[in-house]
Amino acid sequence: MVKDLMKKQKLRYYSSLSSLQKNKVRINLRIIKNDLEKLPYLLAYEILKTNSIENVIFENEKIDKMLKGQKMFLFNKNFYPLNIKELKN
């Protein structure tokens, strides 16, 4: 019953997203956390790519831990956590 309601509302658990979807979630959250969301997406993405690989791995692991068991909603063909305001701080 819960899964049916979640499907109807276009909600999914982070763990049920595909690898590509999880990667998009990580990139979008890194853009938000680094206050780059006001820039065009491609420019913000290019700025993120200048980070060291160690920093990227650290941020991705941190995001994965924060999102474990979280419900995600679909917006503009991307998934975002329901508690996005809490994660931004």
Protein backbone atom coordinates (compact mmCIF):
# COMPACT_ATOMS: atom_id res chain seq x y z
CA MET A 1 0.00 0.00 0.00
CA VAL A 2 2.77 2.47 0.91
CA LYS A 3 4.71 1.62 -2.25
CA ASP A 4 1.60 2.20 -4.37
CA LEU A 5 1.04 5.60 -2.78
CA MET A 6 4.69 6.52 -3.24
CA LYS A 7 4.54 5.50 -6.89
CA LYS A 8 1.38 7.56 -7.38
CA GLN A 9 3.07 10.61 -5.83
CA LYS A 10 6.29 9.97 -7.83
CA LEU A 11 8.29 9.30 -4.66
CA ARG A 12 11.12 6.78 -4.46
CA TYR A 13 13.63 5.71 -1.89
CA TYR A 14 17.20 6.79 -2.60
CA SER A 15 18.34 3.17 -2.46
CA SER A 16 15.95 2.23 -5.29
CA LEU A 17 17.35 4.80 -7.74
CA SER A 18 19.61 3.67 -10.54
CA SER A 19 23.32 4.52 -10.46
CA LEU A 20 22.79 7.27 -13.03
CA GLN A 21 19.92 8.78 -11.02
CA LYS A 22 21.98 8.65 -7.81
CA ASN A 23 24.85 10.39 -9.58
CA LYS A 24 22.50 13.16 -10.76
CA VAL A 25 21.19 13.54 -7.20
CA ARG A 26 24.75 13.86 -5.88
CA ILE A 27 25.68 16.46 -8.50
CA ASN A 28 22.52 18.49 -7.85
CA LEU A 29 23.07 18.42 -4.08
CA ARG A 30 26.73 19.39 -4.48
CA ILE A 31 25.60 22.34 -6.62
CA ILE A 32 23.14 23.37 -3.91
CA LYS A 33 25.62 22.88 -1.04
CA ASN A 34 28.25 24.97 -2.84
CA ASP A 35 25.74 27.79 -3.50
CA LEU A 36 25.96 27.40 -7.27
CA GLU A 37 22.25 26.85 -7.93
CA LYS A 38 21.76 30.40 -9.28
CA LEU A 39 24.23 29.72 -12.08
CA PRO A 40 23.31 27.88 -15.27
CA TYR A 41 23.55 24.13 -14.69
CA LEU A 42 26.45 23.51 -17.10
CA LEU A 43 28.52 26.33 -15.61
CA ALA A 44 27.88 25.09 -12.07
CA TYR A 45 28.78 21.55 -13.15
CA GLU A 46 32.05 22.76 -14.72
CA ILE A 47 32.94 24.61 -11.51
CA LEU A 48 32.31 21.42 -9.52
CA LYS A 49 34.59 19.49 -11.86
CA THR A 50 37.52 21.67 -10.77
CA ASN A 51 37.39 20.10 -7.28
CA SER A 52 40.00 17.51 -6.42
CA ILE A 53 39.00 13.86 -6.77
CA GLU A 54 39.45 13.35 -3.02
CA ASN A 55 37.02 16.18 -2.29
CA VAL A 56 34.47 14.77 -4.75
CA ILE A 57 34.70 11.28 -3.22
CA PHE A 58 34.36 12.73 0.30
CA GLU A 59 31.29 14.80 -0.67
CA ASN A 60 29.67 11.86 -2.49
CA GLU A 61 30.16 9.53 0.50
CA LYS A 62 28.73 12.19 2.82
CA ILE A 63 25.70 12.65 0.55
CA ASP A 64 25.17 8.87 0.33
CA LYS A 65 25.16 8.61 4.14
CA MET A 66 22.73 11.52 4.50
CA LEU A 67 20.34 10.12 1.90
CA LYS A 68 20.32 6.51 3.09
CA GLY A 69 16.66 5.57 3.60
CA GLN A 70 15.40 8.98 2.42
CA LYS A 71 12.39 9.46 0.19
CA MET A 72 13.04 11.35 -3.04
CA PHE A 73 10.60 13.33 -5.18
CA LEU A 74 10.72 13.84 -8.92
CA PHE A 75 11.04 17.44 -10.13
CA ASN A 76 12.16 18.51 -13.62
CA LYS A 77 13.29 14.97 -14.46
CA ASN A 78 15.57 14.85 -11.40
CA PHE A 79 15.10 13.37 -7.94
CA TYR A 80 15.51 15.50 -4.83
CA PRO A 81 15.21 14.53 -1.15
CA LEU A 82 12.02 15.53 0.65
CA ASN A 83 14.12 17.11 3.41
CA ILE A 84 16.25 19.19 1.05
CA LYS A 85 16.16 22.30 3.28
CA GLU A 86 17.66 20.34 6.18
CA LEU A 87 20.40 18.93 3.97
CA LYS A 88 21.35 22.36 2.63
CA ASN A 89 22.33 23.62 6.08
